[in-house]
């Protein structure tokens, strides 16, 4: 007996759209990183919802979701470290002010 995954997919689509909006329109680098994390969590929700689909649910979606969480944690750590370095050098984390590689 299959499960009804439409509400999960709808929630994931809404979360992804909110994250995409934030990543494309916000100027603060921290908000952009948070928006990317939101999009990755929407992907995790899709992976887990699709793994429960069908008569014989598998653990592959949960395993891929764990890999995705690991990548998201590494991305957050590296992104925050880069933003801290940029703030120390330039005094701002606004992505519109970061147009050159020079100091």
PDB file of N, CA and C in Angstrom:
ATOM      1  N   UNK A   1       0.844  -1.176   0.000  1.00  0.00           N
ATOM      2  CA  UNK A   1       0.000   0.000   0.000  1.00  0.00           C
ATOM      3  C   UNK A   1       0.891   1.242   0.000  1.00  0.00           C
ATOM      4  N   UNK A   2       0.720   2.083  -0.969  1.00  0.00           N
ATOM      5  CA  UNK A   2       1.529   3.289  -1.103  1.00  0.00           C
ATOM      6  C   UNK A   2       1.078   4.394  -0.159  1.00  0.00           C
ATOM      7  N   UNK A   3       1.979   5.285   0.085  1.00  0.00           N
ATOM      8  CA  UNK A   3       1.649   6.413   0.953  1.00  0.00           C
ATOM      9  C   UNK A   3       1.354   7.642   0.112  1.00  0.00           C
ATOM     10  N   UNK A   4       0.620   8.550   0.673  1.00  0.00           N
ATOM     11  CA  UNK A   4       0.272   9.791  -0.012  1.00  0.00           C
ATOM     12  C   UNK A   4       1.372  10.809   0.248  1.00  0.00           C
ATOM     13  N   UNK A   5       2.127  11.167  -0.780  1.00  0.00           N
ATOM     14  CA  UNK A   5       3.274  12.055  -0.576  1.00  0.00           C
ATOM     15  C   UNK A   5       3.035  13.461  -1.112  1.00  0.00           C
ATOM     16  N   UNK A   6       1.873  13.727  -1.634  1.00  0.00           N
ATOM     17  CA  UNK A   6       1.606  15.052  -2.203  1.00  0.00           C
ATOM     18  C   UNK A   6       1.789  16.191  -1.200  1.00  0.00           C
ATOM     19  N   UNK A   7       1.314  16.067   0.044  1.00  0.00           N
ATOM     20  CA  UNK A   7       1.556  17.173   0.993  1.00  0.00           C
ATOM     21  C   UNK A   7       3.044  17.414   1.269  1.00  0.00           C
ATOM     22  N   UNK A   8       3.824  16.350   1.319  1.00  0.00           N
ATOM     23  CA  UNK A   8       5.262  16.497   1.551  1.00  0.00           C
ATOM     24  C   UNK A   8       5.951  17.182   0.380  1.00  0.00           C
ATOM     25  N   UNK A   9       5.555  16.800  -0.816  1.00  0.00           N
ATOM     26  CA  UNK A   9       6.146  17.414  -2.003  1.00  0.00           C
ATOM     27  C   UNK A   9       5.730  18.880  -2.123  1.00  0.00           C
ATOM     28  N   UNK A  10       4.498  19.189  -1.747  1.00  0.00           N
ATOM     29  CA  UNK A  10       4.046  20.578  -1.767  1.00  0.00           C
ATOM     30  C   UNK A  10       4.819  21.416  -0.759  1.00  0.00           C
ATOM     31  N   UNK A  11       4.995  20.888   0.444  1.00  0.00           N
ATOM     32  CA  UNK A  11       5.775  21.597   1.459  1.00  0.00           C
ATOM     33  C   UNK A  11       7.215  21.787   1.008  1.00  0.00           C
ATOM     34  N   UNK A  12       7.797  20.756   0.408  1.00  0.00           N
ATOM     35  CA  UNK A  12       9.179  20.865  -0.075  1.00  0.00           C
ATOM     36  C   UNK A  12       9.289  21.899  -1.189  1.00  0.00           C
ATOM     37  N   UNK A  13       8.302  21.963  -2.072  1.00  0.00           N
ATOM     38  CA  UNK A  13       8.328  22.955  -3.148  1.00  0.00           C
ATOM     39  C   UNK A  13       8.219  24.368  -2.589  1.00  0.00           C
ATOM     40  N   UNK A  14       7.375  24.547  -1.584  1.00  0.00           N
ATOM     41  CA  UNK A  14       7.239  25.863  -0.960  1.00  0.00           C
ATOM     42  C   UNK A  14       8.542  26.268  -0.276  1.00  0.00           C
ATOM     43  N   UNK A  15       9.138  25.346   0.481  1.00  0.00           N
ATOM     44  CA  UNK A  15      10.411  25.630   1.147  1.00  0.00           C
ATOM     45  C   UNK A  15      11.510  25.955   0.136  1.00  0.00           C
ATOM     46  N   UNK A  16      11.552  25.202  -0.953  1.00  0.00           N
ATOM     47  CA  UNK A  16      12.570  25.447  -1.974  1.00  0.00           C
ATOM     48  C   UNK A  16      12.377  26.812  -2.620  1.00  0.00           C
ATOM     49  N   UNK A  17      11.134  27.173  -2.899  1.00  0.00           N
ATOM     50  CA  UNK A  17      10.866  28.482  -3.513  1.00  0.00           C
ATOM     51  C   UNK A  17      11.219  29.625  -2.572  1.00  0.00           C
ATOM     52  N   UNK A  18      10.936  29.472  -1.284  1.00  0.00           N
ATOM     53  CA  UNK A  18      11.315  30.497  -0.312  1.00  0.00           C
ATOM     54  C   UNK A  18      12.834  30.628  -0.255  1.00  0.00           C
ATOM     55  N   UNK A  19      13.536  29.492  -0.239  1.00  0.00           N
ATOM     56  CA  UNK A  19      14.991  29.521  -0.226  1.00  0.00           C
ATOM     57  C   UNK A  19      15.578  30.116  -1.493  1.00  0.00           C
ATOM     58  N   UNK A  20      14.990  29.791  -2.626  1.00  0.00           N
ATOM     59  CA  UNK A  20      15.465  30.348  -3.897  1.00  0.00           C
ATOM     60  C   UNK A  20      15.247  31.855  -3.945  1.00  0.00           C
ATOM     61  N   UNK A  21      14.096  32.302  -3.472  1.00  0.00           N
ATOM     62  CA  UNK A  21      13.823  33.739  -3.412  1.00  0.00           C
ATOM     63  C   UNK A  21      14.852  34.446  -2.531  1.00  0.00           C
ATOM     64  N   UNK A  22      15.122  33.880  -1.375  1.00  0.00           N
ATOM     65  CA  UNK A  22      16.090  34.489  -0.470  1.00  0.00           C
ATOM     66  C   UNK A  22      17.497  34.499  -1.037  1.00  0.00           C
ATOM     67  N   UNK A  23      17.878  33.426  -1.710  1.00  0.00           N
ATOM     68  CA  UNK A  23      19.228  33.353  -2.270  1.00  0.00           C
ATOM     69  C   UNK A  23      19.420  34.319  -3.428  1.00  0.00           C
ATOM     70  N   UNK A  24      18.365  34.591  -4.185  1.00  0.00           N
ATOM     71  CA  UNK A  24      18.492  35.458  -5.355  1.00  0.00           C
ATOM     72  C   UNK A  24      18.242  36.934  -5.071  1.00  0.00           C
ATOM     73  N   UNK A  25      17.533  37.258  -4.001  1.00  0.00           N
ATOM     74  CA  UNK A  25      17.161  38.654  -3.790  1.00  0.00           C
ATOM     75  C   UNK A  25      17.843  39.320  -2.603  1.00  0.00           C
ATOM     76  N   UNK A  26      18.307  38.572  -1.637  1.00  0.00           N
ATOM     77  CA  UNK A  26      18.881  39.189  -0.447  1.00  0.00           C
ATOM     78  C   UNK A  26      20.329  39.595  -0.684  1.00  0.00           C
ATOM     79  N   UNK A  27      20.761  40.633   0.025  1.00  0.00           N
ATOM     80  CA  UNK A  27      22.111  41.152  -0.146  1.00  0.00           C
ATOM     81  C   UNK A  27      23.056  40.693   0.953  1.00  0.00           C
ATOM     82  N   UNK A  28      22.520  40.288   2.088  1.00  0.00           N
ATOM     83  CA  UNK A  28      23.344  39.850   3.202  1.00  0.00           C
ATOM     84  C   UNK A  28      23.833  38.419   2.953  1.00  0.00           C
ATOM     85  N   UNK A  29      25.129  38.204   3.113  1.00  0.00           N
ATOM     86  CA  UNK A  29      25.708  36.892   2.845  1.00  0.00           C
ATOM     87  C   UNK A  29      25.215  35.814   3.789  1.00  0.00           C
ATOM     88  N   UNK A  30      24.943  36.168   5.041  1.00  0.00           N
ATOM     89  CA  UNK A  30      24.435  35.186   6.003  1.00  0.00           C
ATOM     90  C   UNK A  30      23.035  34.732   5.598  1.00  0.00           C
ATOM     91  N   UNK A  31      22.202  35.650   5.156  1.00  0.00           N
ATOM     92  CA  UNK A  31      20.843  35.297   4.718  1.00  0.00           C
ATOM     93  C   UNK A  31      20.900  34.420   3.468  1.00  0.00           C
ATOM     94  N   UNK A  32      21.849  34.688   2.592  1.00  0.00           N
ATOM     95  CA  UNK A  32      22.008  33.853   1.395  1.00  0.00           C
ATOM     96  C   UNK A  32      22.386  32.429   1.798  1.00  0.00           C
ATOM     97  N   UNK A  33      23.308  32.291   2.759  1.00  0.00           N
ATOM     98  CA  UNK A  33      23.679  30.955   3.235  1.00  0.00           C
ATOM     99  C   UNK A  33      22.494  30.248   3.891  1.00  0.00           C
ATOM    100  N   UNK A  34      21.715  30.962   4.675  1.00  0.00           N
ATOM    101  CA  UNK A  34      20.530  30.364   5.292  1.00  0.00           C
ATOM    102  C   UNK A  34      19.515  29.937   4.240  1.00  0.00           C
ATOM    103  N   UNK A  35      19.396  30.705   3.177  1.00  0.00           N
ATOM    104  CA  UNK A  35      18.469  30.349   2.100  1.00  0.00           C
ATOM    105  C   UNK A  35      18.925  29.085   1.378  1.00  0.00           C
ATOM    106  N   UNK A  36      20.220  28.951   1.197  1.00  0.00           N
ATOM    107  CA  UNK A  36      20.750  27.736   0.580  1.00  0.00           C
ATOM    108  C   UNK A  36      20.493  26.530   1.478  1.00  0.00           C
ATOM    109  N   UNK A  37      20.651  26.707   2.786  1.00  0.00           N
ATOM    110  CA  UNK A  37      20.346  25.630   3.728  1.00  0.00           C
ATOM    111  C   UNK A  37      18.870  25.244   3.653  1.00  0.00           C
ATOM    112  N   UNK A  38      18.005  26.224   3.495  1.00  0.00           N
ATOM    113  CA  UNK A  38      16.576  25.948   3.370  1.00  0.00           C
ATOM    114  C   UNK A  38      16.283  25.132   2.113  1.00  0.00           C
ATOM    115  N   UNK A  39      16.954  25.455   1.031  1.00  0.00           N
ATOM    116  CA  UNK A  39      16.769  24.681  -0.207  1.00  0.00           C
ATOM    117  C   UNK A  39      17.279  23.250  -0.031  1.00  0.00           C
ATOM    118  N   UNK A  40      18.400  23.074   0.658  1.00  0.00           N
ATOM    119  CA  UNK A  40      18.921  21.730   0.893  1.00  0.00           C
ATOM    120  C   UNK A  40      17.973  20.919   1.783  1.00  0.00           C
ATOM    121  N   UNK A  41      17.337  21.570   2.748  1.00  0.00           N
ATOM    122  CA  UNK A  41      16.358  20.866   3.579  1.00  0.00           C
ATOM    123  C   UNK A  41      15.122  20.474   2.780  1.00  0.00           C
ATOM    124  N   UNK A  42      14.737  21.278   1.810  1.00  0.00           N
ATOM    125  CA  UNK A  42      13.622  20.905   0.934  1.00  0.00           C
ATOM    126  C   UNK A  42      13.988  19.665   0.115  1.00  0.00           C
ATOM    127  N   UNK A  43      15.228  19.603  -0.334  1.00  0.00           N
ATOM    128  CA  UNK A  43      15.688  18.416  -1.062  1.00  0.00           C
ATOM    129  C   UNK A  43      15.659  17.192  -0.148  1.00  0.00           C
ATOM    130  N   UNK A  44      16.083  17.364   1.104  1.00  0.00           N
ATOM    131  CA  UNK A  44      16.026  16.250   2.061  1.00  0.00           C
ATOM    132  C   UNK A  44      14.603  15.752   2.248  1.00  0.00           C
ATOM    133  N   UNK A  45      13.666  16.667   2.343  1.00  0.00           N
ATOM    134  CA  UNK A  45      12.265  16.279   2.489  1.00  0.00           C
ATOM    135  C   UNK A  45      11.786  15.489   1.272  1.00  0.00           C
ATOM    136  N   UNK A  46      12.181  15.904   0.081  1.00  0.00           N
ATOM    137  CA  UNK A  46      11.828  15.156  -1.132  1.00  0.00           C
ATOM    138  C   UNK A  46      12.453  13.768  -1.135  1.00  0.00           C
ATOM    139  N   UNK A  47      13.721  13.676  -0.752  1.00  0.00           N
ATOM    140  CA  UNK A  47      14.394  12.375  -0.738  1.00  0.00           C
ATOM    141  C   UNK A  47      13.688  11.408   0.202  1.00  0.00           C
ATOM    142  N   UNK A  48      13.346  11.871   1.379  1.00  0.00           N
ATOM    143  CA  UNK A  48      12.705  10.984   2.343  1.00  0.00           C
ATOM    144  C   UNK A  48      11.276  10.642   1.914  1.00  0.00           C
ATOM    145  N   UNK A  49      10.568  11.603   1.335  1.00  0.00           N
ATOM    146  CA  UNK A  49       9.202  11.327   0.868  1.00  0.00           C
ATOM    147  C   UNK A  49       9.206  10.300  -0.249  1.00  0.00           C
ATOM    148  N   UNK A  50      10.135  10.429  -1.184  1.00  0.00           N
ATOM    149  CA  UNK A  50      10.181   9.468  -2.291  1.00  0.00           C
ATOM    150  C   UNK A  50      10.683   8.102  -1.847  1.00  0.00           C
ATOM    151  N   UNK A  51      11.464   8.039  -0.786  1.00  0.00           N
ATOM    152  CA  UNK A  51      11.917   6.731  -0.319  1.00  0.00           C
ATOM    153  C   UNK A  51      10.785   5.950   0.339  1.00  0.00           C
ATOM    154  N   UNK A  52       9.761   6.646   0.840  1.00  0.00           N
ATOM    155  CA  UNK A  52       8.610   5.973   1.439  1.00  0.00           C
ATOM    156  C   UNK A  52       7.552   5.599   0.405  1.00  0.00           C
ATOM    157  N   UNK A  53       7.763   5.980  -0.845  1.00  0.00           N
ATOM    158  CA  UNK A  53       6.789   5.720  -1.897  1.00  0.00           C
ATOM    159  C   UNK A  53       6.842   4.248  -2.307  1.00  0.00           C
ATOM    160  N   UNK A  54       5.706   3.682  -2.556  1.00  0.00           N
ATOM    161  CA  UNK A  54       5.635   2.319  -3.062  1.00  0.00           C
ATOM    162  C   UNK A  54       5.262   1.313  -1.994  1.00  0.00           C
ATOM    163  N   UNK A  55       5.161   0.051  -2.424  1.00  0.00           N
ATOM    164  CA  UNK A  55       4.766  -1.019  -1.515  1.00  0.00           C
ATOM    165  C   UNK A  55       5.901  -1.468  -0.611  1.00  0.00           C
ATOM    166  N   UNK A  56       7.131  -1.318  -1.082  1.00  0.00           N
ATOM    167  CA  UNK A  56       8.293  -1.752  -0.314  1.00  0.00           C
ATOM    168  C   UNK A  56       9.234  -0.571  -0.124  1.00  0.00           C
ATOM    169  N   UNK A  57       9.014   0.213   0.933  1.00  0.00           N
ATOM    170  CA  UNK A  57       9.872   1.384   1.138  1.00  0.00           C
ATOM    171  C   UNK A  57      11.326   0.974   1.378  1.00  0.00           C
ATOM    172  N   UNK A  58      12.229   1.776   0.878  1.00  0.00           N
ATOM    173  CA  UNK A  58      13.655   1.497   1.008  1.00  0.00           C
ATOM    174  C   UNK A  58      14.311   2.593   1.835  1.00  0.00           C
ATOM    175  N   UNK A  59      15.536   2.337   2.238  1.00  0.00           N
ATOM    176  CA  UNK A  59      16.294   3.306   3.031  1.00  0.00           C
ATOM    177  C   UNK A  59      17.189   4.193   2.184  1.00  0.00           C
ATOM    178  N   UNK A  60      17.112   4.087   0.877  1.00  0.00           N
ATOM    179  CA  UNK A  60      18.024   4.856   0.034  1.00  0.00           C
ATOM    180  C   UNK A  60      17.815   6.359   0.172  1.00  0.00           C
ATOM    181  N   UNK A  61      16.575   6.802   0.319  1.00  0.00           N
ATOM    182  CA  UNK A  61      16.304   8.229   0.486  1.00  0.00           C
ATOM    183  C   UNK A  61      16.879   8.762   1.775  1.00  0.00           C
ATOM    184  N   UNK A  62      16.771   7.969   2.852  1.00  0.00           N
ATOM    185  CA  UNK A  62      17.338   8.400   4.124  1.00  0.00           C
ATOM    186  C   UNK A  62      18.857   8.454   4.063  1.00  0.00           C
ATOM    187  N   UNK A  63      19.463   7.515   3.367  1.00  0.00           N
ATOM    188  CA  UNK A  63      20.924   7.498   3.236  1.00  0.00           C
ATOM    189  C   UNK A  63      21.400   8.700   2.434  1.00  0.00           C
ATOM    190  N   UNK A  64      20.751   8.979   1.311  1.00  0.00           N
ATOM    191  CA  UNK A  64      21.113  10.157   0.523  1.00  0.00           C
ATOM    192  C   UNK A  64      20.862  11.439   1.315  1.00  0.00           C
ATOM    193  N   UNK A  65      19.816  11.435   2.140  1.00  0.00           N
ATOM    194  CA  UNK A  65      19.533  12.596   2.970  1.00  0.00           C
ATOM    195  C   UNK A  65      20.639  12.822   4.000  1.00  0.00           C
ATOM    196  N   UNK A  66      21.176  11.762   4.570  1.00  0.00           N
ATOM    197  CA  UNK A  66      22.302  11.903   5.507  1.00  0.00           C
ATOM    198  C   UNK A  66      23.532  12.476   4.809  1.00  0.00           C
ATOM    199  N   UNK A  67      23.794  12.024   3.588  1.00  0.00           N
ATOM    200  CA  UNK A  67      24.903  12.600   2.823  1.00  0.00           C
ATOM    201  C   UNK A  67      24.656  14.085   2.549  1.00  0.00           C
ATOM    202  N   UNK A  68      23.427  14.417   2.235  1.00  0.00           N
ATOM    203  CA  UNK A  68      23.068  15.810   1.962  1.00  0.00           C
ATOM    204  C   UNK A  68      23.226  16.676   3.218  1.00  0.00           C
ATOM    205  N   UNK A  69      22.856  16.143   4.371  1.00  0.00           N
ATOM    206  CA  UNK A  69      23.026  16.876   5.627  1.00  0.00           C
ATOM    207  C   UNK A  69      24.511  17.096   5.909  1.00  0.00           C
ATOM    208  N   UNK A  70      25.332  16.095   5.629  1.00  0.00           N
ATOM    209  CA  UNK A  70      26.777  16.234   5.820  1.00  0.00           C
ATOM    210  C   UNK A  70      27.348  17.314   4.910  1.00  0.00           C
ATOM    211  N   UNK A  71      26.932  17.323   3.667  1.00  0.00           N
ATOM    212  CA  UNK A  71      27.390  18.347   2.724  1.00  0.00           C
ATOM    213  C   UNK A  71      26.902  19.723   3.153  1.00  0.00           C
ATOM    214  N   UNK A  72      25.670  19.806   3.659  1.00  0.00           N
ATOM    215  CA  UNK A  72      25.135  21.090   4.116  1.00  0.00           C
ATOM    216  C   UNK A  72      25.913  21.620   5.317  1.00  0.00           C
ATOM    217  N   UNK A  73      26.307  20.729   6.219  1.00  0.00           N
ATOM    218  CA  UNK A  73      27.083  21.165   7.380  1.00  0.00           C
ATOM    219  C   UNK A  73      28.455  21.678   6.955  1.00  0.00           C
ATOM    220  N   UNK A  74      29.078  20.977   6.029  1.00  0.00           N
ATOM    221  CA  UNK A  74      30.381  21.429   5.529  1.00  0.00           C
ATOM    222  C   UNK A  74      30.248  22.754   4.790  1.00  0.00           C
ATOM    223  N   UNK A  75      29.192  22.894   4.004  1.00  0.00           N
ATOM    224  CA  UNK A  75      28.960  24.147   3.272  1.00  0.00           C
ATOM    225  C   UNK A  75      28.742  25.309   4.230  1.00  0.00           C
ATOM    226  N   UNK A  76      28.003  25.067   5.300  1.00  0.00           N
ATOM    227  CA  UNK A  76      27.755  26.122   6.275  1.00  0.00           C
ATOM    228  C   UNK A  76      29.046  26.520   6.986  1.00  0.00           C
ATOM    229  N   UNK A  77      29.858  25.547   7.359  1.00  0.00           N
ATOM    230  CA  UNK A  77      31.107  25.845   8.062  1.00  0.00           C
ATOM    231  C   UNK A  77      32.065  26.638   7.173  1.00  0.00           C
ATOM    232  N   UNK A  78      32.226  26.196   5.934  1.00  0.00           N
ATOM    233  CA  UNK A  78      33.123  26.895   5.013  1.00  0.00           C
ATOM    234  C   UNK A  78      32.555  28.265   4.649  1.00  0.00           C
ATOM    235  N   UNK A  79      31.251  28.338   4.429  1.00  0.00           N
ATOM    236  CA  UNK A  79      30.627  29.624   4.075  1.00  0.00           C
ATOM    237  C   UNK A  79      30.747  30.647   5.182  1.00  0.00           C
ATOM    238  N   UNK A  80      30.500  30.226   6.420  1.00  0.00           N
ATOM    239  CA  UNK A  80      30.629  31.156   7.538  1.00  0.00           C
ATOM    240  C   UNK A  80      32.080  31.578   7.722  1.00  0.00           C
ATOM    241  N   UNK A  81      33.027  30.658   7.548  1.00  0.00           N
ATOM    242  CA  UNK A  81      34.441  31.018   7.657  1.00  0.00           C
ATOM    243  C   UNK A  81      34.835  32.038   6.595  1.00  0.00           C
ATOM    244  N   UNK A  82      34.346  31.855   5.388  1.00  0.00           N
ATOM    245  CA  UNK A  82      34.626  32.815   4.314  1.00  0.00           C
ATOM    246  C   UNK A  82      33.991  34.164   4.621  1.00  0.00           C
ATOM    247  N   UNK A  83      32.754  34.154   5.114  1.00  0.00           N
ATOM    248  CA  UNK A  83      32.090  35.414   5.447  1.00  0.00           C
ATOM    249  C   UNK A  83      32.793  36.148   6.592  1.00  0.00           C
ATOM    250  N   UNK A  84      33.291  35.423   7.572  1.00  0.00           N
ATOM    251  CA  UNK A  84      34.030  36.061   8.670  1.00  0.00           C
ATOM    252  C   UNK A  84      35.307  36.697   8.142  1.00  0.00           C
ATOM    253  N   UNK A  85      36.007  36.004   7.254  1.00  0.00           N
ATOM    254  CA  UNK A  85      37.226  36.561   6.667  1.00  0.00           C
ATOM    255  C   UNK A  85      36.921  37.798   5.826  1.00  0.00           C
ATOM    256  N   UNK A  86      35.860  37.748   5.053  1.00  0.00           N
ATOM    257  CA  UNK A  86      35.467  38.909   4.245  1.00  0.00           C
ATOM    258  C   UNK A  86      35.096  40.077   5.149  1.00  0.00           C
ATOM    259  N   UNK A  87      34.380  39.794   6.236  1.00  0.00           N
ATOM    260  CA  UNK A  87      33.998  40.870   7.150  1.00  0.00           C
ATOM    261  C   UNK A  87      35.223  41.506   7.803  1.00  0.00           C
ATOM    262  N   UNK A  88      36.208  40.697   8.155  1.00  0.00           N
ATOM    263  CA  UNK A  88      37.423  41.239   8.756  1.00  0.00           C
ATOM    264  C   UNK A  88      38.196  42.116   7.768  1.00  0.00           C
ATOM    265  N   UNK A  89      38.217  41.722   6.509  1.00  0.00           N
ATOM    266  CA  UNK A  89      38.985  42.467   5.510  1.00  0.00           C
ATOM    267  C   UNK A  89      38.240  43.680   4.956  1.00  0.00           C
ATOM    268  N   UNK A  90      36.946  43.533   4.709  1.00  0.00           N
ATOM    269  CA  UNK A  90      36.189  44.599   4.047  1.00  0.00           C
ATOM    270  C   UNK A  90      35.240  45.335   4.964  1.00  0.00           C
ATOM    271  N   UNK A  91      34.872  44.732   6.091  1.00  0.00           N
ATOM    272  CA  UNK A  91      33.950  45.388   7.006  1.00  0.00           C
ATOM    273  C   UNK A  91      32.490  45.234   6.640  1.00  0.00           C
ATOM    274  N   UNK A  92      32.172  44.366   5.689  1.00  0.00           N
ATOM    275  CA  UNK A  92      30.789  44.148   5.283  1.00  0.00           C
ATOM    276  C   UNK A  92      30.621  42.717   4.781  1.00  0.00           C
ATOM    277  N   UNK A  93      29.387  42.216   4.853  1.00  0.00           N
ATOM    278  CA  UNK A  93      29.060  40.915   4.271  1.00  0.00           C
ATOM    279  C   UNK A  93      28.002  41.056   3.193  1.00  0.00           C
ATOM    280  N   UNK A  94      27.785  42.271   2.722  1.00  0.00           N
ATOM    281  CA  UNK A  94      26.844  42.504   1.633  1.00  0.00           C
ATOM    282  C   UNK A  94      27.436  41.947   0.342  1.00  0.00           C
ATOM    283  N   UNK A  95      26.689  41.074  -0.331  1.00  0.00           N
ATOM    284  CA  UNK A  95      27.229  40.425  -1.519  1.00  0.00           C
ATOM    285  C   UNK A  95      27.386  41.393  -2.686  1.00  0.00           C
ATOM    286  N   UNK A  96      26.666  42.510  -2.674  1.00  0.00           N
ATOM    287  CA  UNK A  96      26.817  43.477  -3.758  1.00  0.00           C
ATOM    288  C   UNK A  96      28.105  44.275  -3.632  1.00  0.00           C
ATOM    289  N   UNK A  97      28.680  44.314  -2.430  1.00  0.00           N
ATOM    290  CA  UNK A  97      29.941  45.037  -2.227  1.00  0.00           C
ATOM    291  C   UNK A  97      31.156  44.168  -2.516  1.00  0.00           C
ATOM    292  N   UNK A  98      30.966  42.915  -2.796  1.00  0.00           N
ATOM    293  CA  UNK A  98      32.075  41.989  -3.008  1.00  0.00           C
ATOM    294  C   UNK A  98      32.281  41.732  -4.488  1.00  0.00           C
ATOM    295  N   UNK A  99      32.680  42.765  -5.202  1.00  0.00           N
ATOM    296  CA  UNK A  99      32.779  42.664  -6.648  1.00  0.00           C
ATOM    297  C   UNK A  99      34.194  42.477  -7.151  1.00  0.00           C
ATOM    298  N   UNK A 100      35.172  42.432  -6.256  1.00  0.00           N
ATOM    299  CA  UNK A 100      36.539  42.234  -6.725  1.00  0.00           C
ATOM    300  C   UNK A 100      37.267  41.291  -5.793  1.00  0.00           C
ATOM    301  N   UNK A 101      38.350  40.735  -6.284  1.00  0.00           N
ATOM    302  CA  UNK A 101      39.161  39.829  -5.500  1.00  0.00           C
ATOM    303  C   UNK A 101      40.289  40.571  -4.786  1.00  0.00           C
ATOM    304  N   UNK A 102      40.384  41.866  -5.022  1.00  0.00           N
ATOM    305  CA  UNK A 102      41.439  42.669  -4.389  1.00  0.00           C
ATOM    306  C   UNK A 102      41.017  43.085  -3.001  1.00  0.00           C
ATOM    307  N   UNK A 103      41.990  43.474  -2.185  1.00  0.00           N
ATOM    308  CA  UNK A 103      41.682  43.981  -0.859  1.00  0.00           C
ATOM    309  C   UNK A 103      41.272  45.370  -0.976  1.00  0.00           C
TER     310      UNK A 103
END
